PDB file of N, CA and C in Angstrom:
ATOM      1  N   MET A   1       0.808  -1.203   0.000  1.00  0.00           N
ATOM      2  CA  MET A   1       0.000   0.000   0.000  1.00  0.00           C
ATOM      3  C   MET A   1       0.853   1.270   0.000  1.00  0.00           C
ATOM      4  N   ASP A   2       2.171   1.129   0.185  1.00  0.00           N
ATOM      5  CA  ASP A   2       3.068   2.283   0.220  1.00  0.00           C
ATOM      6  C   ASP A   2       3.487   2.645  -1.201  1.00  0.00           C
ATOM      7  N   ILE A   3       3.226   3.865  -1.630  1.00  0.00           N
ATOM      8  CA  ILE A   3       3.518   4.305  -2.995  1.00  0.00           C
ATOM      9  C   ILE A   3       5.016   4.292  -3.293  1.00  0.00           C
ATOM     10  N   THR A   4       5.869   4.431  -2.259  1.00  0.00           N
ATOM     11  CA  THR A   4       7.316   4.441  -2.500  1.00  0.00           C
ATOM     12  C   THR A   4       7.846   3.062  -2.891  1.00  0.00           C
ATOM     13  N   ASN A   5       7.052   2.019  -2.730  1.00  0.00           N
ATOM     14  CA  ASN A   5       7.477   0.681  -3.127  1.00  0.00           C
ATOM     15  C   ASN A   5       7.366   0.461  -4.627  1.00  0.00           C
ATOM     16  N   PHE A   6       6.691   1.344  -5.308  1.00  0.00           N
ATOM     17  CA  PHE A   6       6.496   1.181  -6.741  1.00  0.00           C
ATOM     18  C   PHE A   6       7.548   1.969  -7.506  1.00  0.00           C
ATOM     19  N   ARG A   7       8.220   1.297  -8.422  1.00  0.00           N
ATOM     20  CA  ARG A   7       9.261   1.918  -9.244  1.00  0.00           C
ATOM     21  C   ARG A   7       8.794   1.909 -10.690  1.00  0.00           C
ATOM     22  N   ASN A   8       9.312   2.858 -11.450  1.00  0.00           N
ATOM     23  CA  ASN A   8       8.998   2.883 -12.869  1.00  0.00           C
ATOM     24  C   ASN A   8       9.562   1.640 -13.547  1.00  0.00           C
ATOM     25  N   ILE A   9       8.851   1.141 -14.525  1.00  0.00           N
ATOM     26  CA  ILE A   9       9.320   0.000 -15.289  1.00  0.00           C
ATOM     27  C   ILE A   9      10.105   0.530 -16.472  1.00  0.00           C
ATOM     28  N   SER A  10      11.303   0.039 -16.625  1.00  0.00           N
ATOM     29  CA  SER A  10      12.141   0.468 -17.733  1.00  0.00           C
ATOM     30  C   SER A  10      11.873  -0.425 -18.930  1.00  0.00           C
ATOM     31  N   LEU A  11      11.474   0.180 -20.014  1.00  0.00           N
ATOM     32  CA  LEU A  11      11.211  -0.567 -21.237  1.00  0.00           C
ATOM     33  C   LEU A  11      12.312  -0.250 -22.240  1.00  0.00           C
ATOM     34  N   LEU A  12      13.500  -0.761 -21.970  1.00  0.00           N
ATOM     35  CA  LEU A  12      14.630  -0.518 -22.849  1.00  0.00           C
ATOM     36  C   LEU A  12      14.571  -1.430 -24.059  1.00  0.00           C
ATOM     37  N   THR A  13      15.050  -0.921 -25.166  1.00  0.00           N
ATOM     38  CA  THR A  13      15.153  -1.751 -26.357  1.00  0.00           C
ATOM     39  C   THR A  13      16.298  -2.731 -26.176  1.00  0.00           C
ATOM     40  N   SER A  14      16.341  -3.724 -27.014  1.00  0.00           N
ATOM     41  CA  SER A  14      17.432  -4.704 -26.956  1.00  0.00           C
ATOM     42  C   SER A  14      18.776  -4.023 -27.150  1.00  0.00           C
ATOM     43  N   PHE A  15      18.817  -3.030 -28.019  1.00  0.00           N
ATOM     44  CA  PHE A  15      20.076  -2.298 -28.255  1.00  0.00           C
ATOM     45  C   PHE A  15      20.526  -1.607 -26.973  1.00  0.00           C
ATOM     46  N   SER A  16      19.595  -0.955 -26.276  1.00  0.00           N
ATOM     47  CA  SER A  16      19.935  -0.252 -25.038  1.00  0.00           C
ATOM     48  C   SER A  16      20.435  -1.218 -23.972  1.00  0.00           C
ATOM     49  N   LYS A  17      19.784  -2.371 -23.868  1.00  0.00           N
ATOM     50  CA  LYS A  17      20.210  -3.377 -22.879  1.00  0.00           C
ATOM     51  C   LYS A  17      21.614  -3.876 -23.202  1.00  0.00           C
ATOM     52  N   GLY A  18      21.874  -4.114 -24.478  1.00  0.00           N
ATOM     53  CA  GLY A  18      23.204  -4.561 -24.891  1.00  0.00           C
ATOM     54  C   GLY A  18      24.254  -3.500 -24.631  1.00  0.00           C
ATOM     55  N   LEU A  19      23.924  -2.255 -24.943  1.00  0.00           N
ATOM     56  CA  LEU A  19      24.853  -1.144 -24.710  1.00  0.00           C
ATOM     57  C   LEU A  19      25.142  -0.994 -23.225  1.00  0.00           C
ATOM     58  N   GLU A  20      24.115  -1.130 -22.396  1.00  0.00           N
ATOM     59  CA  GLU A  20      24.291  -1.048 -20.952  1.00  0.00           C
ATOM     60  C   GLU A  20      25.246  -2.132 -20.462  1.00  0.00           C
ATOM     61  N   LYS A  21      25.118  -3.334 -20.977  1.00  0.00           N
ATOM     62  CA  LYS A  21      25.984  -4.454 -20.584  1.00  0.00           C
ATOM     63  C   LYS A  21      27.428  -4.195 -21.008  1.00  0.00           C
ATOM     64  N   VAL A  22      27.619  -3.652 -22.212  1.00  0.00           N
ATOM     65  CA  VAL A  22      28.973  -3.340 -22.698  1.00  0.00           C
ATOM     66  C   VAL A  22      29.617  -2.280 -21.811  1.00  0.00           C
ATOM     67  N   ILE A  23      28.865  -1.233 -21.488  1.00  0.00           N
ATOM     68  CA  ILE A  23      29.398  -0.163 -20.641  1.00  0.00           C
ATOM     69  C   ILE A  23      29.758  -0.707 -19.263  1.00  0.00           C
ATOM     70  N   TYR A  24      28.867  -1.511 -18.685  1.00  0.00           N
ATOM     71  CA  TYR A  24      29.131  -2.098 -17.373  1.00  0.00           C
ATOM     72  C   TYR A  24      30.416  -2.939 -17.409  1.00  0.00           C
ATOM     73  N   THR A  25      30.547  -3.775 -18.419  1.00  0.00           N
ATOM     74  CA  THR A  25      31.718  -4.653 -18.538  1.00  0.00           C
ATOM     75  C   THR A  25      32.999  -3.847 -18.644  1.00  0.00           C
ATOM     76  N   ARG A  26      32.995  -2.813 -19.470  1.00  0.00           N
ATOM     77  CA  ARG A  26      34.193  -1.985 -19.651  1.00  0.00           C
ATOM     78  C   ARG A  26      34.548  -1.226 -18.372  1.00  0.00           C
ATOM     79  N   LEU A  27      33.553  -0.657 -17.705  1.00  0.00           N
ATOM     80  CA  LEU A  27      33.819   0.061 -16.461  1.00  0.00           C
ATOM     81  C   LEU A  27      34.356  -0.882 -15.391  1.00  0.00           C
ATOM     82  N   TYR A  28      33.755  -2.070 -15.295  1.00  0.00           N
ATOM     83  CA  TYR A  28      34.188  -3.050 -14.308  1.00  0.00           C
ATOM     84  C   TYR A  28      35.631  -3.488 -14.571  1.00  0.00           C
ATOM     85  N   GLN A  29      35.964  -3.737 -15.835  1.00  0.00           N
ATOM     86  CA  GLN A  29      37.332  -4.135 -16.190  1.00  0.00           C
ATOM     87  C   GLN A  29      38.324  -3.032 -15.836  1.00  0.00           C
ATOM     88  N   HIS A  30      37.973  -1.785 -16.155  1.00  0.00           N
ATOM     89  CA  HIS A  30      38.855  -0.654 -15.853  1.00  0.00           C
ATOM     90  C   HIS A  30      39.106  -0.553 -14.349  1.00  0.00           C
ATOM     91  N   MET A  31      38.039  -0.697 -13.569  1.00  0.00           N
ATOM     92  CA  MET A  31      38.185  -0.575 -12.122  1.00  0.00           C
ATOM     93  C   MET A  31      38.984  -1.736 -11.538  1.00  0.00           C
ATOM     94  N   ASN A  32      38.822  -2.934 -12.080  1.00  0.00           N
ATOM     95  CA  ASN A  32      39.604  -4.089 -11.621  1.00  0.00           C
ATOM     96  C   ASN A  32      41.073  -3.947 -11.996  1.00  0.00           C
ATOM     97  N   GLN A  33      41.349  -3.587 -13.236  1.00  0.00           N
ATOM     98  CA  GLN A  33      42.732  -3.480 -13.712  1.00  0.00           C
ATOM     99  C   GLN A  33      43.507  -2.387 -12.991  1.00  0.00           C
ATOM    100  N   ASN A  34      42.829  -1.337 -12.575  1.00  0.00           N
ATOM    101  CA  ASN A  34      43.500  -0.216 -11.915  1.00  0.00           C
ATOM    102  C   ASN A  34      43.357  -0.240 -10.398  1.00  0.00           C
ATOM    103  N   ASN A  35      42.906  -1.373  -9.862  1.00  0.00           N
ATOM    104  CA  ASN A  35      42.766  -1.559  -8.408  1.00  0.00           C
ATOM    105  C   ASN A  35      42.007  -0.414  -7.734  1.00  0.00           C
ATOM    106  N   ILE A  36      40.898  -0.025  -8.337  1.00  0.00           N
ATOM    107  CA  ILE A  36      40.075   1.050  -7.782  1.00  0.00           C
ATOM    108  C   ILE A  36      39.168   0.518  -6.681  1.00  0.00           C
ATOM    109  N   PHE A  37      38.727  -0.719  -6.794  1.00  0.00           N
ATOM    110  CA  PHE A  37      37.883  -1.316  -5.761  1.00  0.00           C
ATOM    111  C   PHE A  37      38.681  -1.502  -4.484  1.00  0.00           C
ATOM    112  N   THR A  38      38.055  -1.210  -3.350  1.00  0.00           N
ATOM    113  CA  THR A  38      38.683  -1.504  -2.068  1.00  0.00           C
ATOM    114  C   THR A  38      38.240  -2.899  -1.638  1.00  0.00           C
ATOM    115  N   THR A  39      38.887  -3.446  -0.642  1.00  0.00           N
ATOM    116  CA  THR A  39      38.494  -4.773  -0.169  1.00  0.00           C
ATOM    117  C   THR A  39      37.116  -4.748   0.472  1.00  0.00           C
ATOM    118  N   GLU A  40      36.669  -3.566   0.919  1.00  0.00           N
ATOM    119  CA  GLU A  40      35.351  -3.433   1.527  1.00  0.00           C
ATOM    120  C   GLU A  40      34.246  -3.186   0.497  1.00  0.00           C
ATOM    121  N   GLN A  41      34.597  -3.109  -0.773  1.00  0.00           N
ATOM    122  CA  GLN A  41      33.617  -2.881  -1.837  1.00  0.00           C
ATOM    123  C   GLN A  41      33.005  -4.217  -2.223  1.00  0.00           C
ATOM    124  N   TYR A  42      31.761  -4.432  -1.857  1.00  0.00           N
ATOM    125  CA  TYR A  42      31.117  -5.714  -2.126  1.00  0.00           C
ATOM    126  C   TYR A  42      30.078  -5.632  -3.242  1.00  0.00           C
ATOM    127  N   SER A  43      29.459  -4.485  -3.417  1.00  0.00           N
ATOM    128  CA  SER A  43      28.380  -4.414  -4.410  1.00  0.00           C
ATOM    129  C   SER A  43      28.920  -4.553  -5.831  1.00  0.00           C
ATOM    130  N   PHE A  44      28.116  -5.148  -6.675  1.00  0.00           N
ATOM    131  CA  PHE A  44      28.420  -5.367  -8.092  1.00  0.00           C
ATOM    132  C   PHE A  44      29.620  -6.281  -8.300  1.00  0.00           C
ATOM    133  N   ARG A  45      29.897  -7.158  -7.358  1.00  0.00           N
ATOM    134  CA  ARG A  45      30.999  -8.105  -7.492  1.00  0.00           C
ATOM    135  C   ARG A  45      30.460  -9.514  -7.278  1.00  0.00           C
ATOM    136  N   ASN A  46      31.223 -10.504  -7.722  1.00  0.00           N
ATOM    137  CA  ASN A  46      30.805 -11.901  -7.567  1.00  0.00           C
ATOM    138  C   ASN A  46      30.695 -12.272  -6.092  1.00  0.00           C
ATOM    139  N   ASN A  47      29.643 -12.975  -5.764  1.00  0.00           N
ATOM    140  CA  ASN A  47      29.394 -13.448  -4.390  1.00  0.00           C
ATOM    141  C   ASN A  47      29.410 -12.312  -3.373  1.00  0.00           C
ATOM    142  N   SER A  48      28.972 -11.126  -3.777  1.00  0.00           N
ATOM    143  CA  SER A  48      29.086  -9.958  -2.905  1.00  0.00           C
ATOM    144  C   SER A  48      28.293 -10.112  -1.613  1.00  0.00           C
ATOM    145  N   THR A  49      27.091 -10.647  -1.682  1.00  0.00           N
ATOM    146  CA  THR A  49      26.272 -10.786  -0.482  1.00  0.00           C
ATOM    147  C   THR A  49      26.900 -11.777   0.485  1.00  0.00           C
ATOM    148  N   GLU A  50      27.375 -12.900  -0.050  1.00  0.00           N
ATOM    149  CA  GLU A  50      27.978 -13.916   0.808  1.00  0.00           C
ATOM    150  C   GLU A  50      29.253 -13.399   1.462  1.00  0.00           C
ATOM    151  N   LYS A  51      30.094 -12.690   0.711  1.00  0.00           N
ATOM    152  CA  LYS A  51      31.351 -12.187   1.267  1.00  0.00           C
ATOM    153  C   LYS A  51      31.103 -11.126   2.331  1.00  0.00           C
ATOM    154  N   ALA A  52      30.164 -10.230   2.081  1.00  0.00           N
ATOM    155  CA  ALA A  52      29.853  -9.189   3.060  1.00  0.00           C
ATOM    156  C   ALA A  52      29.275  -9.805   4.337  1.00  0.00           C
ATOM    157  N   SER A  53      28.378 -10.775   4.177  1.00  0.00           N
ATOM    158  CA  SER A  53      27.784 -11.441   5.341  1.00  0.00           C
ATOM    159  C   SER A  53      28.845 -12.199   6.135  1.00  0.00           C
ATOM    160  N   PHE A  54      29.733 -12.901   5.434  1.00  0.00           N
ATOM    161  CA  PHE A  54      30.792 -13.646   6.105  1.00  0.00           C
ATOM    162  C   PHE A  54      31.686 -12.707   6.907  1.00  0.00           C
ATOM    163  N   LYS A  55      32.078 -11.583   6.302  1.00  0.00           N
ATOM    164  CA  LYS A  55      32.952 -10.642   7.003  1.00  0.00           C
ATOM    165  C   LYS A  55      32.272 -10.093   8.249  1.00  0.00           C
ATOM    166  N   LEU A  56      31.009  -9.731   8.147  1.00  0.00           N
ATOM    167  CA  LEU A  56      30.273  -9.195   9.294  1.00  0.00           C
ATOM    168  C   LEU A  56      30.180 -10.233  10.410  1.00  0.00           C
ATOM    169  N   ILE A  57      29.757 -11.438  10.065  1.00  0.00           N
ATOM    170  CA  ILE A  57      29.607 -12.495  11.076  1.00  0.00           C
ATOM    171  C   ILE A  57      30.956 -12.845  11.696  1.00  0.00           C
ATOM    172  N   ASN A  58      31.990 -12.906  10.882  1.00  0.00           N
ATOM    173  CA  ASN A  58      33.323 -13.218  11.380  1.00  0.00           C
ATOM    174  C   ASN A  58      33.804 -12.159  12.373  1.00  0.00           C
ATOM    175  N   GLU A  59      33.595 -10.883  12.047  1.00  0.00           N
ATOM    176  CA  GLU A  59      34.006  -9.803  12.955  1.00  0.00           C
ATOM    177  C   GLU A  59      33.227  -9.875  14.275  1.00  0.00           C
ATOM    178  N   ILE A  60      31.942 -10.158  14.194  1.00  0.00           N
ATOM    179  CA  ILE A  60      31.127 -10.282  15.409  1.00  0.00           C
ATOM    180  C   ILE A  60      31.628 -11.443  16.268  1.00  0.00           C
ATOM    181  N   LEU A  61      31.878 -12.594  15.648  1.00  0.00           N
ATOM    182  CA  LEU A  61      32.337 -13.761  16.407  1.00  0.00           C
ATOM    183  C   LEU A  61      33.710 -13.532  17.022  1.00  0.00           C
ATOM    184  N   LEU A  62      34.620 -12.878  16.302  1.00  0.00           N
ATOM    185  CA  LEU A  62      35.943 -12.589  16.865  1.00  0.00           C
ATOM    186  C   LEU A  62      35.832 -11.649  18.062  1.00  0.00           C
ATOM    187  N   THR A  63      34.958 -10.667  17.958  1.00  0.00           N
ATOM    188  CA  THR A  63      34.765  -9.725  19.058  1.00  0.00           C
ATOM    189  C   THR A  63      34.152 -10.416  20.270  1.00  0.00           C
ATOM    190  N   LEU A  64      33.147 -11.259  20.035  1.00  0.00           N
ATOM    191  CA  LEU A  64      32.534 -12.005  21.137  1.00  0.00           C
ATOM    192  C   LEU A  64      33.534 -12.970  21.770  1.00  0.00           C
ATOM    193  N   HIS A  65      34.391 -13.579  20.951  1.00  0.00           N
ATOM    194  CA  HIS A  65      35.413 -14.494  21.459  1.00  0.00           C
ATOM    195  C   HIS A  65      36.368 -13.772  22.413  1.00  0.00           C
ATOM    196  N   ASP A  66      36.643 -12.498  22.115  1.00  0.00           N
ATOM    197  CA  ASP A  66      37.511 -11.686  22.976  1.00  0.00           C
ATOM    198  C   ASP A  66      36.758 -11.100  24.167  1.00  0.00           C
ATOM    199  N   LYS A  67      35.493 -11.535  24.329  1.00  0.00           N
ATOM    200  CA  LYS A  67      34.641 -11.110  25.445  1.00  0.00           C
ATOM    201  C   LYS A  67      34.413  -9.593  25.457  1.00  0.00           C
ATOM    202  N   LEU A  68      34.263  -9.038  24.276  1.00  0.00           N
ATOM    203  CA  LEU A  68      33.962  -7.621  24.128  1.00  0.00           C
ATOM    204  C   LEU A  68      32.500  -7.450  23.739  1.00  0.00           C
ATOM    205  N   THR A  69      31.996  -6.261  23.887  1.00  0.00           N
ATOM    206  CA  THR A  69      30.606  -5.963  23.533  1.00  0.00           C
ATOM    207  C   THR A  69      30.519  -5.647  22.046  1.00  0.00           C
ATOM    208  N   VAL A  70      29.464  -6.145  21.431  1.00  0.00           N
ATOM    209  CA  VAL A  70      29.251  -5.907  20.013  1.00  0.00           C
ATOM    210  C   VAL A  70      28.013  -5.036  19.839  1.00  0.00           C
ATOM    211  N   GLY A  71      28.126  -4.035  19.004  1.00  0.00           N
ATOM    212  CA  GLY A  71      26.989  -3.181  18.669  1.00  0.00           C
ATOM    213  C   GLY A  71      27.004  -2.924  17.169  1.00  0.00           C
ATOM    214  N   ALA A  72      25.866  -2.613  16.630  1.00  0.00           N
ATOM    215  CA  ALA A  72      25.791  -2.352  15.196  1.00  0.00           C
ATOM    216  C   ALA A  72      24.705  -1.331  14.908  1.00  0.00           C
ATOM    217  N   ILE A  73      24.936  -0.557  13.892  1.00  0.00           N
ATOM    218  CA  ILE A  73      23.929   0.371  13.380  1.00  0.00           C
ATOM    219  C   ILE A  73      23.742   0.035  11.910  1.00  0.00           C
ATOM    220  N   PHE A  74      22.511  -0.214  11.504  1.00  0.00           N
ATOM    221  CA  PHE A  74      22.208  -0.539  10.124  1.00  0.00           C
ATOM    222  C   PHE A  74      21.379   0.584   9.526  1.00  0.00           C
ATOM    223  N   CYS A  75      21.800   1.064   8.385  1.00  0.00           N
ATOM    224  CA  CYS A  75      21.103   2.156   7.707  1.00  0.00           C
ATOM    225  C   CYS A  75      20.403   1.613   6.468  1.00  0.00           C
ATOM    226  N   ASP A  76      19.193   2.029   6.265  1.00  0.00           N
ATOM    227  CA  ASP A  76      18.436   1.646   5.079  1.00  0.00           C
ATOM    228  C   ASP A  76      18.775   2.625   3.966  1.00  0.00           C
ATOM    229  N   LEU A  77      19.502   2.149   2.980  1.00  0.00           N
ATOM    230  CA  LEU A  77      19.922   3.008   1.875  1.00  0.00           C
ATOM    231  C   LEU A  77      19.022   2.837   0.656  1.00  0.00           C
ATOM    232  N   GLU A  78      17.763   2.527   0.909  1.00  0.00           N
ATOM    233  CA  GLU A  78      16.802   2.363  -0.166  1.00  0.00           C
ATOM    234  C   GLU A  78      16.750   3.644  -0.987  1.00  0.00           C
ATOM    235  N   LYS A  79      16.864   3.473  -2.273  1.00  0.00           N
ATOM    236  CA  LYS A  79      16.799   4.593  -3.216  1.00  0.00           C
ATOM    237  C   LYS A  79      17.953   5.575  -3.027  1.00  0.00           C
ATOM    238  N   ALA A  80      19.060   5.139  -2.468  1.00  0.00           N
ATOM    239  CA  ALA A  80      20.191   6.033  -2.224  1.00  0.00           C
ATOM    240  C   ALA A  80      20.749   6.586  -3.527  1.00  0.00           C
ATOM    241  N   PHE A  81      20.778   5.765  -4.571  1.00  0.00           N
ATOM    242  CA  PHE A  81      21.341   6.227  -5.832  1.00  0.00           C
ATOM    243  C   PHE A  81      20.531   7.381  -6.408  1.00  0.00           C
ATOM    244  N   ASP A  82      19.225   7.416  -6.121  1.00  0.00           N
ATOM    245  CA  ASP A  82      18.379   8.494  -6.629  1.00  0.00           C
ATOM    246  C   ASP A  82      18.745   9.846  -6.027  1.00  0.00           C
ATOM    247  N   SER A  83      19.445   9.842  -4.898  1.00  0.00           N
ATOM    248  CA  SER A  83      19.777  11.098  -4.224  1.00  0.00           C
ATOM    249  C   SER A  83      21.229  11.533  -4.435  1.00  0.00           C
ATOM    250  N   ILE A  84      21.971  10.833  -5.278  1.00  0.00           N
ATOM    251  CA  ILE A  84      23.374  11.164  -5.522  1.00  0.00           C
ATOM    252  C   ILE A  84      23.471  12.437  -6.354  1.00  0.00           C
ATOM    253  N   ASN A  85      24.394  13.308  -5.977  1.00  0.00           N
ATOM    254  CA  ASN A  85      24.684  14.499  -6.762  1.00  0.00           C
ATOM    255  C   ASN A  85      25.484  14.049  -7.986  1.00  0.00           C
ATOM    256  N   HIS A  86      24.886  14.150  -9.154  1.00  0.00           N
ATOM    257  CA  HIS A  86      25.514  13.612 -10.360  1.00  0.00           C
ATOM    258  C   HIS A  86      26.765  14.375 -10.777  1.00  0.00           C
ATOM    259  N   ASP A  87      26.867  15.658 -10.454  1.00  0.00           N
ATOM    260  CA  ASP A  87      28.089  16.408 -10.768  1.00  0.00           C
ATOM    261  C   ASP A  87      29.266  15.858  -9.976  1.00  0.00           C
ATOM    262  N   ILE A  88      29.030  15.548  -8.698  1.00  0.00           N
ATOM    263  CA  ILE A  88      30.091  14.964  -7.864  1.00  0.00           C
ATOM    264  C   ILE A  88      30.453  13.575  -8.377  1.00  0.00           C
ATOM    265  N   LEU A  89      29.449  12.780  -8.738  1.00  0.00           N
ATOM    266  CA  LEU A  89      29.691  11.437  -9.257  1.00  0.00           C
ATOM    267  C   LEU A  89      30.548  11.491 -10.526  1.00  0.00           C
ATOM    268  N   LEU A  90      30.231  12.402 -11.442  1.00  0.00           N
ATOM    269  CA  LEU A  90      30.997  12.518 -12.683  1.00  0.00           C
ATOM    270  C   LEU A  90      32.416  13.014 -12.421  1.00  0.00           C
ATOM    271  N   SER A  91      32.595  13.903 -11.436  1.00  0.00           N
ATOM    272  CA  SER A  91      33.957  14.355 -11.118  1.00  0.00           C
ATOM    273  C   SER A  91      34.773  13.219 -10.511  1.00  0.00           C
ATOM    274  N   LYS A  92      34.131  12.358  -9.720  1.00  0.00           N
ATOM    275  CA  LYS A  92      34.837  11.184  -9.178  1.00  0.00           C
ATOM    276  C   LYS A  92      35.202  10.216 -10.300  1.00  0.00           C
ATOM    277  N   CYS A  93      34.290  10.036 -11.254  1.00  0.00           N
ATOM    278  CA  CYS A  93      34.589   9.175 -12.407  1.00  0.00           C
ATOM    279  C   CYS A  93      35.803   9.697 -13.159  1.00  0.00           C
ATOM    280  N   GLU A  94      35.859  11.017 -13.340  1.00  0.00           N
ATOM    281  CA  GLU A  94      37.004  11.618 -14.041  1.00  0.00           C
ATOM    282  C   GLU A  94      38.290  11.409 -13.238  1.00  0.00           C
ATOM    283  N   PHE A  95      38.214  11.534 -11.921  1.00  0.00           N
ATOM    284  CA  PHE A  95      39.363  11.315 -11.044  1.00  0.00           C
ATOM    285  C   PHE A  95      39.926   9.899 -11.224  1.00  0.00           C
ATOM    286  N   TYR A  96      39.027   8.916 -11.408  1.00  0.00           N
ATOM    287  CA  TYR A  96      39.446   7.529 -11.536  1.00  0.00           C
ATOM    288  C   TYR A  96      39.752   7.124 -12.978  1.00  0.00           C
ATOM    289  N   GLY A  97      39.824   8.081 -13.881  1.00  0.00           N
ATOM    290  CA  GLY A  97      40.300   7.790 -15.227  1.00  0.00           C
ATOM    291  C   GLY A  97      39.232   7.684 -16.296  1.00  0.00           C
ATOM    292  N   PHE A  98      37.997   7.974 -15.961  1.00  0.00           N
ATOM    293  CA  PHE A  98      36.939   7.970 -16.965  1.00  0.00           C
ATOM    294  C   PHE A  98      36.806   9.394 -17.480  1.00  0.00           C
ATOM    295  N   SER A  99      37.333   9.644 -18.662  1.00  0.00           N
ATOM    296  CA  SER A  99      37.319  11.011 -19.178  1.00  0.00           C
ATOM    297  C   SER A  99      36.863  11.022 -20.628  1.00  0.00           C
ATOM    298  N   GLY A 100      36.764  12.217 -21.163  1.00  0.00           N
ATOM    299  CA  GLY A 100      36.412  12.377 -22.570  1.00  0.00           C
ATOM    300  C   GLY A 100      35.031  11.836 -22.894  1.00  0.00           C
ATOM    301  N   LYS A 101      34.975  11.018 -23.949  1.00  0.00           N
ATOM    302  CA  LYS A 101      33.706  10.493 -24.413  1.00  0.00           C
ATOM    303  C   LYS A 101      33.049   9.555 -23.395  1.00  0.00           C
ATOM    304  N   THR A 102      33.868   8.832 -22.649  1.00  0.00           N
ATOM    305  CA  THR A 102      33.324   7.927 -21.627  1.00  0.00           C
ATOM    306  C   THR A 102      32.578   8.710 -20.565  1.00  0.00           C
ATOM    307  N   ASN A 103      33.208   9.777 -20.071  1.00  0.00           N
ATOM    308  CA  ASN A 103      32.565  10.596 -19.042  1.00  0.00           C
ATOM    309  C   ASN A 103      31.323  11.281 -19.601  1.00  0.00           C
ATOM    310  N   ALA A 104      31.384  11.720 -20.848  1.00  0.00           N
ATOM    311  CA  ALA A 104      30.221  12.352 -21.481  1.00  0.00           C
ATOM    312  C   ALA A 104      29.076  11.355 -21.606  1.00  0.00           C
ATOM    313  N   LEU A 105      29.403  10.121 -21.930  1.00  0.00           N
ATOM    314  CA  LEU A 105      28.375   9.070 -22.055  1.00  0.00           C
ATOM    315  C   LEU A 105      27.719   8.798 -20.707  1.00  0.00           C
ATOM    316  N   LEU A 106      28.551   8.746 -19.663  1.00  0.00           N
ATOM    317  CA  LEU A 106      28.001   8.500 -18.324  1.00  0.00           C
ATOM    318  C   LEU A 106      27.090   9.637 -17.922  1.00  0.00           C
TER     319      LEU A 106
END
């Protein structure tokens, strides 16, 4: 019943879907080859959910093993990408080597 649960349906053509996949692949390769991803970067990577969950559970268990108190704060980042300042995002892309036509395309 909550209107915020409804998202627009994207009706991309086959060409657009293919182009999106090519862009994603090229950006991912660039970021991997230039070691831009940090070890804490889990999204958009293979087994990302499992690795993030394992790291969290492992840290909690190690802390409990040392008889320390464990606390956590979880933030709901639903629709976070919709609130990103795109000028800042594009300047970060340029910083990491996406320039010229690539940056214009993004």
